[in-house]
Amino acid sequence: VFLAKDQVNLGHSLLVPKVEVDQIIDLEDSLTSDMFVYAKK
């Protein structure tokens, strides 16, 4: 997770999987759920 280069509001961050996938439909189901649990935190 890192601050976005272009900030909509201060603190705007990007959460990025370390595996290189183009779309959420390409992400493994377990990583998809992990991503949203981590995003919540």
Full PDB file with SEQRES, HELIX, SHEET, SSBOND, CRYST1, ORIGX, SCALE, CONECT and MASTER records, all heavy atoms in Angstrom:
SEQRES   1 A   41  VAL PHE LEU ALA LYS ASP GLN VAL ASN LEU GLY HIS SER          
SEQRES   2 A   41  LEU LEU VAL PRO LYS VAL GLU VAL ASP GLN ILE ILE ASP          
SEQRES   3 A   41  LEU GLU ASP SER LEU THR SER ASP MET PHE VAL TYR ALA          
SEQRES   4 A   41  LYS LYS                                                      
HELIX    1 AA1 ILE A   24  ASP A   26  5                                   3    
HELIX    2 AA2 ASP A   29  LYS A   40  1                                  12    
CRYST1    1.000    1.000    1.000  90.00  90.00  90.00 P 1           1          
ORIGX1      1.000000  0.000000  0.000000        0.00000                         
ORIGX2      0.000000  1.000000  0.000000        0.00000                         
ORIGX3      0.000000  0.000000  1.000000        0.00000                         
SCALE1      1.000000  0.000000  0.000000        0.00000                         
SCALE2      0.000000  1.000000  0.000000        0.00000                         
SCALE3      0.000000  0.000000  1.000000        0.00000                         
ATOM      1  N   VAL A   1       0.866  -1.182   0.000  1.00  0.00           N  
ATOM      2  CA  VAL A   1       0.000   0.000   0.000  1.00  0.00           C  
ATOM      3  C   VAL A   1       0.899   1.226   0.000  1.00  0.00           C  
ATOM      4  O   VAL A   1       1.817   1.335   0.807  1.00  0.00           O  
ATOM      5  CB  VAL A   1      -0.916   0.037   1.246  1.00  0.00           C  
ATOM      6  CG1 VAL A   1      -1.842   1.249   1.180  1.00  0.00           C  
ATOM      7  CG2 VAL A   1      -1.700  -1.256   1.395  1.00  0.00           C  
ATOM      8  N   PHE A   2       0.621   2.144  -0.903  1.00  0.00           N  
ATOM      9  CA  PHE A   2       1.400   3.386  -0.970  1.00  0.00           C  
ATOM     10  C   PHE A   2       0.490   4.541  -1.348  1.00  0.00           C  
ATOM     11  O   PHE A   2      -0.588   4.337  -1.909  1.00  0.00           O  
ATOM     12  CB  PHE A   2       2.581   3.257  -1.951  1.00  0.00           C  
ATOM     13  CG  PHE A   2       2.214   2.732  -3.305  1.00  0.00           C  
ATOM     14  CD1 PHE A   2       1.834   3.588  -4.328  1.00  0.00           C  
ATOM     15  CD2 PHE A   2       2.236   1.366  -3.565  1.00  0.00           C  
ATOM     16  CE1 PHE A   2       1.498   3.101  -5.577  1.00  0.00           C  
ATOM     17  CE2 PHE A   2       1.899   0.861  -4.821  1.00  0.00           C  
ATOM     18  CZ  PHE A   2       1.531   1.737  -5.827  1.00  0.00           C  
ATOM     19  N   LEU A   3       0.934   5.745  -1.006  1.00  0.00           N  
ATOM     20  CA  LEU A   3       0.160   6.933  -1.363  1.00  0.00           C  
ATOM     21  C   LEU A   3       0.106   7.076  -2.876  1.00  0.00           C  
ATOM     22  O   LEU A   3       1.123   6.896  -3.561  1.00  0.00           O  
ATOM     23  CB  LEU A   3       0.771   8.186  -0.747  1.00  0.00           C  
ATOM     24  CG  LEU A   3       0.740   8.307   0.772  1.00  0.00           C  
ATOM     25  CD1 LEU A   3       1.334   9.645   1.207  1.00  0.00           C  
ATOM     26  CD2 LEU A   3      -0.663   8.147   1.336  1.00  0.00           C  
ATOM     27  N   ALA A   4      -1.058   7.399  -3.378  1.00  0.00           N  
ATOM     28  CA  ALA A   4      -1.230   7.614  -4.815  1.00  0.00           C  
ATOM     29  C   ALA A   4      -0.448   8.849  -5.238  1.00  0.00           C  
ATOM     30  O   ALA A   4      -0.356   9.829  -4.494  1.00  0.00           O  
ATOM     31  CB  ALA A   4      -2.709   7.786  -5.141  1.00  0.00           C  
ATOM     32  N   LYS A   5       0.108   8.787  -6.442  1.00  0.00           N  
ATOM     33  CA  LYS A   5       0.821   9.949  -6.987  1.00  0.00           C  
ATOM     34  C   LYS A   5      -0.130  11.126  -7.127  1.00  0.00           C  
ATOM     35  O   LYS A   5       0.206  12.253  -6.797  1.00  0.00           O  
ATOM     36  CB  LYS A   5       1.448   9.581  -8.331  1.00  0.00           C  
ATOM     37  CG  LYS A   5       2.273  10.691  -8.956  1.00  0.00           C  
ATOM     38  CD  LYS A   5       2.804  10.296 -10.316  1.00  0.00           C  
ATOM     39  CE  LYS A   5       1.756  10.511 -11.299  1.00  0.00           C  
ATOM     40  NZ  LYS A   5       1.832  10.956 -12.570  1.00  0.00           N  
ATOM     41  N   ASP A   6      -1.322  10.854  -7.622  1.00  0.00           N  
ATOM     42  CA  ASP A   6      -2.354  11.882  -7.769  1.00  0.00           C  
ATOM     43  C   ASP A   6      -3.361  11.705  -6.639  1.00  0.00           C  
ATOM     44  O   ASP A   6      -4.102  10.726  -6.618  1.00  0.00           O  
ATOM     45  CB  ASP A   6      -3.049  11.766  -9.127  1.00  0.00           C  
ATOM     46  CG  ASP A   6      -2.112  12.039 -10.290  1.00  0.00           C  
ATOM     47  OD1 ASP A   6      -1.242  12.927 -10.158  1.00  0.00           O  
ATOM     48  OD2 ASP A   6      -2.246  11.367 -11.326  1.00  0.00           O  
ATOM     49  N   GLN A   7      -3.377  12.645  -5.721  1.00  0.00           N  
ATOM     50  CA  GLN A   7      -4.205  12.573  -4.528  1.00  0.00           C  
ATOM     51  C   GLN A   7      -5.560  13.236  -4.761  1.00  0.00           C  
ATOM     52  O   GLN A   7      -5.615  14.430  -5.058  1.00  0.00           O  
ATOM     53  CB  GLN A   7      -3.510  13.285  -3.363  1.00  0.00           C  
ATOM     54  CG  GLN A   7      -2.206  12.640  -2.918  1.00  0.00           C  
ATOM     55  CD  GLN A   7      -2.472  11.516  -1.937  1.00  0.00           C  
ATOM     56  OE1 GLN A   7      -2.985  11.735  -0.852  1.00  0.00           O  
ATOM     57  NE2 GLN A   7      -2.128  10.308  -2.340  1.00  0.00           N  
ATOM     58  N   VAL A   8      -6.645  12.484  -4.605  1.00  0.00           N  
ATOM     59  CA  VAL A   8      -7.981  13.077  -4.615  1.00  0.00           C  
ATOM     60  C   VAL A   8      -8.172  13.835  -3.304  1.00  0.00           C  
ATOM     61  O   VAL A   8      -8.611  14.974  -3.301  1.00  0.00           O  
ATOM     62  CB  VAL A   8      -9.069  11.997  -4.818  1.00  0.00           C  
ATOM     63  CG1 VAL A   8     -10.457  12.578  -4.584  1.00  0.00           C  
ATOM     64  CG2 VAL A   8      -8.956  11.401  -6.205  1.00  0.00           C  
ATOM     65  N   ASN A   9      -7.836  13.188  -2.202  1.00  0.00           N  
ATOM     66  CA  ASN A   9      -7.781  13.820  -0.890  1.00  0.00           C  
ATOM     67  C   ASN A   9      -6.524  13.296  -0.207  1.00  0.00           C  
ATOM     68  O   ASN A   9      -6.056  12.190  -0.516  1.00  0.00           O  
ATOM     69  CB  ASN A   9      -9.027  13.492  -0.051  1.00  0.00           C  
ATOM     70  CG  ASN A   9     -10.258  14.224  -0.547  1.00  0.00           C  
ATOM     71  OD1 ASN A   9     -10.196  15.393  -0.915  1.00  0.00           O  
ATOM     72  ND2 ASN A   9     -11.389  13.538  -0.565  1.00  0.00           N  
ATOM     73  N   LEU A  10      -6.005  14.070   0.715  1.00  0.00           N  
ATOM     74  CA  LEU A  10      -4.773  13.686   1.392  1.00  0.00           C  
ATOM     75  C   LEU A  10      -4.946  12.339   2.077  1.00  0.00           C  
ATOM     76  O   LEU A  10      -5.891  12.141   2.843  1.00  0.00           O  
ATOM     77  CB  LEU A  10      -4.387  14.764   2.416  1.00  0.00           C  
ATOM     78  CG  LEU A  10      -3.030  14.592   3.093  1.00  0.00           C  
ATOM     79  CD1 LEU A  10      -1.898  14.621   2.069  1.00  0.00           C  
ATOM     80  CD2 LEU A  10      -2.825  15.666   4.141  1.00  0.00           C  
ATOM     81  N   GLY A  11      -4.057  11.414   1.766  1.00  0.00           N  
ATOM     82  CA  GLY A  11      -4.122  10.066   2.307  1.00  0.00           C  
ATOM     83  C   GLY A  11      -4.587   9.043   1.286  1.00  0.00           C  
ATOM     84  O   GLY A  11      -4.560   7.836   1.546  1.00  0.00           O  
ATOM     85  N   HIS A  12      -4.995   9.491   0.116  1.00  0.00           N  
ATOM     86  CA  HIS A  12      -5.424   8.610  -0.976  1.00  0.00           C  
ATOM     87  C   HIS A  12      -4.307   7.602  -1.245  1.00  0.00           C  
ATOM     88  O   HIS A  12      -3.190   7.965  -1.582  1.00  0.00           O  
ATOM     89  CB  HIS A  12      -5.706   9.472  -2.204  1.00  0.00           C  
ATOM     90  CG  HIS A  12      -6.065   8.726  -3.441  1.00  0.00           C  
ATOM     91  ND1 HIS A  12      -6.382   9.402  -4.598  1.00  0.00           N  
ATOM     92  CD2 HIS A  12      -6.159   7.416  -3.748  1.00  0.00           C  
ATOM     93  CE1 HIS A  12      -6.656   8.538  -5.553  1.00  0.00           C  
ATOM     94  NE2 HIS A  12      -6.520   7.309  -5.052  1.00  0.00           N  
ATOM     95  N   SER A  13      -4.629   6.326  -1.072  1.00  0.00           N  
ATOM     96  CA  SER A  13      -3.639   5.264  -1.196  1.00  0.00           C  
ATOM     97  C   SER A  13      -4.069   4.219  -2.206  1.00  0.00           C  
ATOM     98  O   SER A  13      -5.256   4.071  -2.506  1.00  0.00           O  
ATOM     99  CB  SER A  13      -3.427   4.579   0.166  1.00  0.00           C  
ATOM    100  OG  SER A  13      -2.972   5.505   1.125  1.00  0.00           O  
ATOM    101  N   LEU A  14      -3.082   3.479  -2.709  1.00  0.00           N  
ATOM    102  CA  LEU A  14      -3.332   2.368  -3.610  1.00  0.00           C  
ATOM    103  C   LEU A  14      -2.904   1.082  -2.929  1.00  0.00           C  
ATOM    104  O   LEU A  14      -1.797   0.996  -2.398  1.00  0.00           O  
ATOM    105  CB  LEU A  14      -2.554   2.524  -4.913  1.00  0.00           C  
ATOM    106  CG  LEU A  14      -2.812   3.788  -5.731  1.00  0.00           C  
ATOM    107  CD1 LEU A  14      -1.943   3.786  -6.980  1.00  0.00           C  
ATOM    108  CD2 LEU A  14      -4.272   3.906  -6.102  1.00  0.00           C  
ATOM    109  N   LEU A  15      -3.772   0.098  -2.938  1.00  0.00           N  
ATOM    110  CA  LEU A  15      -3.459  -1.233  -2.430  1.00  0.00           C  
ATOM    111  C   LEU A  15      -3.263  -2.119  -3.661  1.00  0.00           C  
ATOM    112  O   LEU A  15      -4.161  -2.227  -4.499  1.00  0.00           O  
ATOM    113  CB  LEU A  15      -4.598  -1.746  -1.561  1.00  0.00           C  
ATOM    114  CG  LEU A  15      -4.347  -3.050  -0.805  1.00  0.00           C  
ATOM    115  CD1 LEU A  15      -5.229  -3.100   0.437  1.00  0.00           C  
ATOM    116  CD2 LEU A  15      -4.538  -4.276  -1.638  1.00  0.00           C  
ATOM    117  N   VAL A  16      -2.068  -2.714  -3.761  1.00  0.00           N  
ATOM    118  CA  VAL A  16      -1.681  -3.433  -4.967  1.00  0.00           C  
ATOM    119  C   VAL A  16      -1.233  -4.847  -4.602  1.00  0.00           C  
ATOM    120  O   VAL A  16      -0.376  -5.004  -3.723  1.00  0.00           O  
ATOM    121  CB  VAL A  16      -0.519  -2.684  -5.676  1.00  0.00           C  
ATOM    122  CG1 VAL A  16      -0.062  -3.426  -6.919  1.00  0.00           C  
ATOM    123  CG2 VAL A  16      -0.916  -1.253  -6.010  1.00  0.00           C  
ATOM    124  N   PRO A  17      -1.769  -5.868  -5.272  1.00  0.00           N  
ATOM    125  CA  PRO A  17      -1.252  -7.209  -5.034  1.00  0.00           C  
ATOM    126  C   PRO A  17       0.177  -7.318  -5.580  1.00  0.00           C  
ATOM    127  O   PRO A  17       0.503  -6.701  -6.595  1.00  0.00           O  
ATOM    128  CB  PRO A  17      -2.208  -8.118  -5.795  1.00  0.00           C  
ATOM    129  CG  PRO A  17      -2.905  -7.262  -6.772  1.00  0.00           C  
ATOM    130  CD  PRO A  17      -2.848  -5.860  -6.249  1.00  0.00           C  
ATOM    131  N   LYS A  18       0.994  -8.091  -4.904  1.00  0.00           N  
ATOM    132  CA  LYS A  18       2.377  -8.255  -5.353  1.00  0.00           C  
ATOM    133  C   LYS A  18       2.482  -9.174  -6.568  1.00  0.00           C  
ATOM    134  O   LYS A  18       3.469  -9.122  -7.282  1.00  0.00           O  
ATOM    135  CB  LYS A  18       3.252  -8.749  -4.205  1.00  0.00           C  
ATOM    136  CG  LYS A  18       3.455  -7.667  -3.155  1.00  0.00           C  
ATOM    137  CD  LYS A  18       4.391  -8.108  -2.062  1.00  0.00           C  
ATOM    138  CE  LYS A  18       4.650  -6.958  -1.096  1.00  0.00           C  
ATOM    139  NZ  LYS A  18       5.546  -7.363   0.003  1.00  0.00           N  
ATOM    140  N   VAL A  19       1.454  -9.974  -6.792  1.00  0.00           N  
ATOM    141  CA  VAL A  19       1.392 -10.772  -8.010  1.00  0.00           C  
ATOM    142  C   VAL A  19       0.836  -9.872  -9.107  1.00  0.00           C  
ATOM    143  O   VAL A  19      -0.106  -9.111  -8.884  1.00  0.00           O  
ATOM    144  CB  VAL A  19       0.545 -12.049  -7.812  1.00  0.00           C  
ATOM    145  CG1 VAL A  19      -0.875 -11.719  -7.421  1.00  0.00           C  
ATOM    146  CG2 VAL A  19       0.561 -12.908  -9.045  1.00  0.00           C  
ATOM    147  N   GLU A  20       1.438  -9.924 -10.274  1.00  0.00           N  
ATOM    148  CA  GLU A  20       1.045  -9.030 -11.359  1.00  0.00           C  
ATOM    149  C   GLU A  20      -0.147  -9.602 -12.115  1.00  0.00           C  
ATOM    150  O   GLU A  20      -0.017 -10.544 -12.894  1.00  0.00           O  
ATOM    151  CB  GLU A  20       2.225  -8.807 -12.313  1.00  0.00           C  
ATOM    152  CG  GLU A  20       1.996  -7.717 -13.314  1.00  0.00           C  
ATOM    153  CD  GLU A  20       3.248  -7.376 -14.110  1.00  0.00           C  
ATOM    154  OE1 GLU A  20       4.217  -8.146 -14.087  1.00  0.00           O  
ATOM    155  OE2 GLU A  20       3.252  -6.328 -14.755  1.00  0.00           O  
ATOM    156  N   VAL A  21      -1.324  -9.050 -11.818  1.00  0.00           N  
ATOM    157  CA  VAL A  21      -2.547  -9.385 -12.543  1.00  0.00           C  
ATOM    158  C   VAL A  21      -3.201  -8.086 -12.994  1.00  0.00           C  
ATOM    159  O   VAL A  21      -3.089  -7.068 -12.315  1.00  0.00           O  
ATOM    160  CB  VAL A  21      -3.536 -10.231 -11.703  1.00  0.00           C  
ATOM    161  CG1 VAL A  21      -2.933 -11.560 -11.298  1.00  0.00           C  
ATOM    162  CG2 VAL A  21      -4.030  -9.482 -10.498  1.00  0.00           C  
ATOM    163  N   ASP A  22      -3.862  -8.149 -14.124  1.00  0.00           N  
ATOM    164  CA  ASP A  22      -4.441  -6.944 -14.710  1.00  0.00           C  
ATOM    165  C   ASP A  22      -5.771  -6.563 -14.073  1.00  0.00           C  
ATOM    166  O   ASP A  22      -6.019  -5.383 -13.808  1.00  0.00           O  
ATOM    167  CB  ASP A  22      -4.618  -7.156 -16.207  1.00  0.00           C  
ATOM    168  CG  ASP A  22      -5.107  -5.917 -16.942  1.00  0.00           C  
ATOM    169  OD1 ASP A  22      -4.944  -4.798 -16.423  1.00  0.00           O  
ATOM    170  OD2 ASP A  22      -5.665  -6.071 -18.042  1.00  0.00           O  
ATOM    171  N   GLN A  23      -6.629  -7.537 -13.807  1.00  0.00           N  
ATOM    172  CA  GLN A  23      -7.973  -7.256 -13.327  1.00  0.00           C  
ATOM    173  C   GLN A  23      -8.299  -8.114 -12.116  1.00  0.00           C  
ATOM    174  O   GLN A  23      -7.723  -9.174 -11.922  1.00  0.00           O  
ATOM    175  CB  GLN A  23      -8.997  -7.583 -14.420  1.00  0.00           C  
ATOM    176  CG  GLN A  23      -8.795  -6.830 -15.709  1.00  0.00           C  
ATOM    177  CD  GLN A  23      -9.781  -7.298 -16.757  1.00  0.00           C  
ATOM    178  OE1 GLN A  23     -10.981  -7.235 -16.529  1.00  0.00           O  
ATOM    179  NE2 GLN A  23      -9.276  -7.764 -17.885  1.00  0.00           N  
ATOM    180  N   ILE A  24      -9.272  -7.664 -11.360  1.00  0.00           N  
ATOM    181  CA  ILE A  24      -9.675  -8.415 -10.171  1.00  0.00           C  
ATOM    182  C   ILE A  24     -10.187  -9.807 -10.552  1.00  0.00           C  
ATOM    183  O   ILE A  24     -10.008 -10.765  -9.804  1.00  0.00           O  
ATOM    184  CB  ILE A  24     -10.687  -7.640  -9.307  1.00  0.00           C  
ATOM    185  CG1 ILE A  24     -10.773  -8.287  -7.916  1.00  0.00           C  
ATOM    186  CG2 ILE A  24     -12.031  -7.538  -9.994  1.00  0.00           C  
ATOM    187  CD1 ILE A  24     -11.393  -7.433  -6.858  1.00  0.00           C  
ATOM    188  N   ILE A  25     -10.757  -9.960 -11.727  1.00  0.00           N  
ATOM    189  CA  ILE A  25     -11.237 -11.275 -12.148  1.00  0.00           C  
ATOM    190  C   ILE A  25     -10.081 -12.238 -12.417  1.00  0.00           C  
ATOM    191  O   ILE A  25     -10.303 -13.446 -12.495  1.00  0.00           O  
ATOM    192  CB  ILE A  25     -12.173 -11.188 -13.379  1.00  0.00           C  
ATOM    193  CG1 ILE A  25     -11.445 -10.580 -14.572  1.00  0.00           C  
ATOM    194  CG2 ILE A  25     -13.434 -10.413 -13.036  1.00  0.00           C  
ATOM    195  CD1 ILE A  25     -12.254 -10.580 -15.873  1.00  0.00           C  
ATOM    196  N   ASP A  26      -8.865 -11.718 -12.514  1.00  0.00           N  
ATOM    197  CA  ASP A  26      -7.684 -12.557 -12.724  1.00  0.00           C  
ATOM    198  C   ASP A  26      -7.026 -12.981 -11.412  1.00  0.00           C  
ATOM    199  O   ASP A  26      -6.128 -13.822 -11.413  1.00  0.00           O  
ATOM    200  CB  ASP A  26      -6.636 -11.797 -13.558  1.00  0.00           C  
ATOM    201  CG  ASP A  26      -7.157 -11.398 -14.929  1.00  0.00           C  
ATOM    202  OD1 ASP A  26      -7.940 -12.161 -15.513  1.00  0.00           O  
ATOM    203  OD2 ASP A  26      -6.780 -10.313 -15.404  1.00  0.00           O  
ATOM    204  N   LEU A  27      -7.444 -12.386 -10.312  1.00  0.00           N  
ATOM    205  CA  LEU A  27      -6.830 -12.665  -9.013  1.00  0.00           C  
ATOM    206  C   LEU A  27      -7.440 -13.925  -8.408  1.00  0.00           C  
ATOM    207  O   LEU A  27      -8.656 -14.120  -8.458  1.00  0.00           O  
ATOM    208  CB  LEU A  27      -7.053 -11.464  -8.082  1.00  0.00           C  
ATOM    209  CG  LEU A  27      -6.241 -11.401  -6.802  1.00  0.00           C  
ATOM    210  CD1 LEU A  27      -4.749 -11.304  -7.094  1.00  0.00           C  
ATOM    211  CD2 LEU A  27      -6.681 -10.209  -5.956  1.00  0.00           C  
ATOM    212  N   GLU A  28      -6.595 -14.769  -7.823  1.00  0.00           N  
ATOM    213  CA  GLU A  28      -7.091 -15.974  -7.154  1.00  0.00           C  
ATOM    214  C   GLU A  28      -8.125 -15.588  -6.102  1.00  0.00           C  
ATOM    215  O   GLU A  28      -8.004 -14.554  -5.448  1.00  0.00           O  
ATOM    216  CB  GLU A  28      -5.944 -16.704  -6.452  1.00  0.00           C  
ATOM    217  CG  GLU A  28      -4.933 -17.325  -7.359  1.00  0.00           C  
ATOM    218  CD  GLU A  28      -3.821 -18.009  -6.571  1.00  0.00           C  
ATOM    219  OE1 GLU A  28      -4.048 -18.459  -5.428  1.00  0.00           O  
ATOM    220  OE2 GLU A  28      -2.714 -18.072  -7.112  1.00  0.00           O  
ATOM    221  N   ASP A  29      -9.122 -16.440  -5.911  1.00  0.00           N  
ATOM    222  CA  ASP A  29     -10.192 -16.146  -4.964  1.00  0.00           C  
ATOM    223  C   ASP A  29      -9.663 -15.885  -3.559  1.00  0.00           C  
ATOM    224  O   ASP A  29     -10.122 -14.957  -2.881  1.00  0.00           O  
ATOM    225  CB  ASP A  29     -11.214 -17.290  -4.918  1.00  0.00           C  
ATOM    226  CG  ASP A  29     -12.055 -17.372  -6.178  1.00  0.00           C  
ATOM    227  OD1 ASP A  29     -12.031 -16.420  -6.988  1.00  0.00           O  
ATOM    228  OD2 ASP A  29     -12.734 -18.399  -6.347  1.00  0.00           O  
ATOM    229  N   SER A  30      -8.702 -16.684  -3.112  1.00  0.00           N  
ATOM    230  CA  SER A  30      -8.179 -16.492  -1.749  1.00  0.00           C  
ATOM    231  C   SER A  30      -7.500 -15.129  -1.615  1.00  0.00           C  
ATOM    232  O   SER A  30      -7.641 -14.463  -0.589  1.00  0.00           O  
ATOM    233  CB  SER A  30      -7.221 -17.619  -1.362  1.00  0.00           C  
ATOM    234  OG  SER A  30      -6.092 -17.624  -2.228  1.00  0.00           O  
ATOM    235  N   LEU A  31      -6.788 -14.697  -2.647  1.00  0.00           N  
ATOM    236  CA  LEU A  31      -6.142 -13.380  -2.602  1.00  0.00           C  
ATOM    237  C   LEU A  31      -7.170 -12.264  -2.696  1.00  0.00           C  
ATOM    238  O   LEU A  31      -6.980 -11.192  -2.121  1.00  0.00           O  
ATOM    239  CB  LEU A  31      -5.098 -13.231  -3.709  1.00  0.00           C  
ATOM    240  CG  LEU A  31      -3.743 -13.852  -3.429  1.00  0.00           C  
ATOM    241  CD1 LEU A  31      -2.823 -13.686  -4.647  1.00  0.00           C  
ATOM    242  CD2 LEU A  31      -3.091 -13.256  -2.200  1.00  0.00           C  
ATOM    243  N   THR A  32      -8.252 -12.501  -3.414  1.00  0.00           N  
ATOM    244  CA  THR A  32      -9.306 -11.490  -3.506  1.00  0.00           C  
ATOM    245  C   THR A  32      -9.895 -11.224  -2.126  1.00  0.00           C  
ATOM    246  O   THR A  32     -10.043 -10.068  -1.714  1.00  0.00           O  
ATOM    247  CB  THR A  32     -10.403 -11.930  -4.493  1.00  0.00           C  
ATOM    248  OG1 THR A  32      -9.806 -12.161  -5.762  1.00  0.00           O  
ATOM    249  CG2 THR A  32     -11.480 -10.870  -4.619  1.00  0.00           C  
ATOM    250  N   SER A  33     -10.222 -12.278  -1.404  1.00  0.00           N  
ATOM    251  CA  SER A  33     -10.774 -12.069  -0.061  1.00  0.00           C  
ATOM    252  C   SER A  33      -9.719 -11.471   0.866  1.00  0.00           C  
ATOM    253  O   SER A  33     -10.012 -10.565   1.640  1.00  0.00           O  
ATOM    254  CB  SER A  33     -11.359 -13.354   0.510  1.00  0.00           C  
ATOM    255  OG  SER A  33     -10.371 -14.327   0.699  1.00  0.00           O  
ATOM    256  N   ASP A  34      -8.477 -11.934   0.768  1.00  0.00           N  
ATOM    257  CA  ASP A  34      -7.389 -11.366   1.584  1.00  0.00           C  
ATOM    258  C   ASP A  34      -7.211  -9.880   1.297  1.00  0.00           C  
ATOM    259  O   ASP A  34      -6.948  -9.086   2.208  1.00  0.00           O  
ATOM    260  CB  ASP A  34      -6.067 -12.090   1.327  1.00  0.00           C  
ATOM    261  CG  ASP A  34      -6.030 -13.509   1.854  1.00  0.00           C  
ATOM    262  OD1 ASP A  34      -6.935 -13.905   2.619  1.00  0.00           O  
ATOM    263  OD2 ASP A  34      -5.073 -14.231   1.490  1.00  0.00           O  
ATOM    264  N   MET A  35      -7.350  -9.503   0.031  1.00  0.00           N  
ATOM    265  CA  MET A  35      -7.179  -8.099  -0.356  1.00  0.00           C  
ATOM    266  C   MET A  35      -8.200  -7.212   0.354  1.00  0.00           C  
ATOM    267  O   MET A  35      -7.866  -6.151   0.872  1.00  0.00           O  
ATOM    268  CB  MET A  35      -7.300  -7.938  -1.871  1.00  0.00           C  
ATOM    269  CG  MET A  35      -7.092  -6.504  -2.345  1.00  0.00           C  
ATOM    270  SD  MET A  35      -7.040  -6.340  -4.145  1.00  0.00           S  
ATOM    271  CE  MET A  35      -8.778  -6.442  -4.523  1.00  0.00           C  
ATOM    272  N   PHE A  36      -9.448  -7.655   0.411  1.00  0.00           N  
ATOM    273  CA  PHE A  36     -10.475  -6.820   1.021  1.00  0.00           C  
ATOM    274  C   PHE A  36     -10.398  -6.819   2.547  1.00  0.00           C  
ATOM    275  O   PHE A  36     -10.698  -5.798   3.174  1.00  0.00           O  
ATOM    276  CB  PHE A  36     -11.857  -7.189   0.492  1.00  0.00           C  
ATOM    277  CG  PHE A  36     -12.086  -6.612  -0.875  1.00  0.00           C  
ATOM    278  CD1 PHE A  36     -11.856  -7.377  -1.999  1.00  0.00           C  
ATOM    279  CD2 PHE A  36     -12.468  -5.295  -1.028  1.00  0.00           C  
ATOM    280  CE1 PHE A  36     -12.024  -6.830  -3.269  1.00  0.00           C  
ATOM    281  CE2 PHE A  36     -12.638  -4.736  -2.278  1.00  0.00           C  
ATOM    282  CZ  PHE A  36     -12.416  -5.505  -3.412  1.00  0.00           C  
ATOM    283  N   VAL A  37      -9.953  -7.904   3.142  1.00  0.00           N  
ATOM    284  CA  VAL A  37      -9.729  -7.905   4.595  1.00  0.00           C  
ATOM    285  C   VAL A  37      -8.588  -6.944   4.932  1.00  0.00           C  
ATOM    286  O   VAL A  37      -8.689  -6.141   5.864  1.00  0.00           O  
ATOM    287  CB  VAL A  37      -9.441  -9.336   5.108  1.00  0.00           C  
ATOM    288  CG1 VAL A  37      -8.954  -9.313   6.551  1.00  0.00           C  
ATOM    289  CG2 VAL A  37     -10.673 -10.207   4.966  1.00  0.00           C  
ATOM    290  N   TYR A  38      -7.516  -6.997   4.156  1.00  0.00           N  
ATOM    291  CA  TYR A  38      -6.380  -6.094   4.363  1.00  0.00           C  
ATOM    292  C   TYR A  38      -6.788  -4.642   4.088  1.00  0.00           C  
ATOM    293  O   TYR A  38      -6.425  -3.725   4.838  1.00  0.00           O  
ATOM    294  CB  TYR A  38      -5.235  -6.529   3.454  1.00  0.00           C  
ATOM    295  CG  TYR A  38      -3.935  -5.812   3.660  1.00  0.00           C  
ATOM    296  CD1 TYR A  38      -3.356  -5.660   4.914  1.00  0.00           C  
ATOM    297  CD2 TYR A  38      -3.247  -5.302   2.566  1.00  0.00           C  
ATOM    298  CE1 TYR A  38      -2.140  -5.014   5.077  1.00  0.00           C  
ATOM    299  CE2 TYR A  38      -2.028  -4.661   2.719  1.00  0.00           C  
ATOM    300  CZ  TYR A  38      -1.482  -4.522   3.974  1.00  0.00           C  
ATOM    301  OH  TYR A  38      -0.269  -3.880   4.126  1.00  0.00           O  
ATOM    302  N   ALA A  39      -7.578  -4.434   3.040  1.00  0.00           N  
ATOM    303  CA  ALA A  39      -8.045  -3.081   2.712  1.00  0.00           C  
ATOM    304  C   ALA A  39      -8.843  -2.486   3.859  1.00  0.00           C  
ATOM    305  O   ALA A  39      -8.724  -1.293   4.158  1.00  0.00           O  
ATOM    306  CB  ALA A  39      -8.885  -3.110   1.440  1.00  0.00           C  
ATOM    307  N   LYS A  40      -9.642  -3.302   4.506  1.00  0.00           N  
ATOM    308  CA  LYS A  40     -10.443  -2.825   5.641  1.00  0.00           C  
ATOM    309  C   LYS A  40      -9.533  -2.323   6.762  1.00  0.00           C  
ATOM    310  O   LYS A  40      -9.760  -1.246   7.325  1.00  0.00           O  
ATOM    311  CB  LYS A  40     -11.339  -3.960   6.129  1.00  0.00           C  
ATOM    312  CG  LYS A  40     -12.269  -3.592   7.245  1.00  0.00           C  
ATOM    313  CD  LYS A  40     -13.155  -4.790   7.589  1.00  0.00           C  
ATOM    314  CE  LYS A  40     -13.945  -4.535   8.845  1.00  0.00           C  
ATOM    315  NZ  LYS A  40     -14.787  -5.681   9.206  1.00  0.00           N  
ATOM    316  N   LYS A  41      -8.488  -3.062   7.061  1.00  0.00           N  
ATOM    317  CA  LYS A  41      -7.527  -2.663   8.096  1.00  0.00           C  
ATOM    318  C   LYS A  41      -6.847  -1.336   7.726  1.00  0.00           C  
ATOM    319  O   LYS A  41      -6.760  -0.410   8.539  1.00  0.00           O  
ATOM    320  CB  LYS A  41      -6.476  -3.768   8.257  1.00  0.00           C  
ATOM    321  CG  LYS A  41      -5.337  -3.422   9.177  1.00  0.00           C  
ATOM    322  CD  LYS A  41      -4.282  -4.525   9.169  1.00  0.00           C  
ATOM    323  CE  LYS A  41      -3.035  -4.058   9.882  1.00  0.00           C  
ATOM    324  NZ  LYS A  41      -1.960  -5.035   9.804  1.00  0.00           N  
TER     325      LYS A  41                                                      
MASTER        0    0    0    2    0    0    0    6  324    1    0    4          
END                                                                             
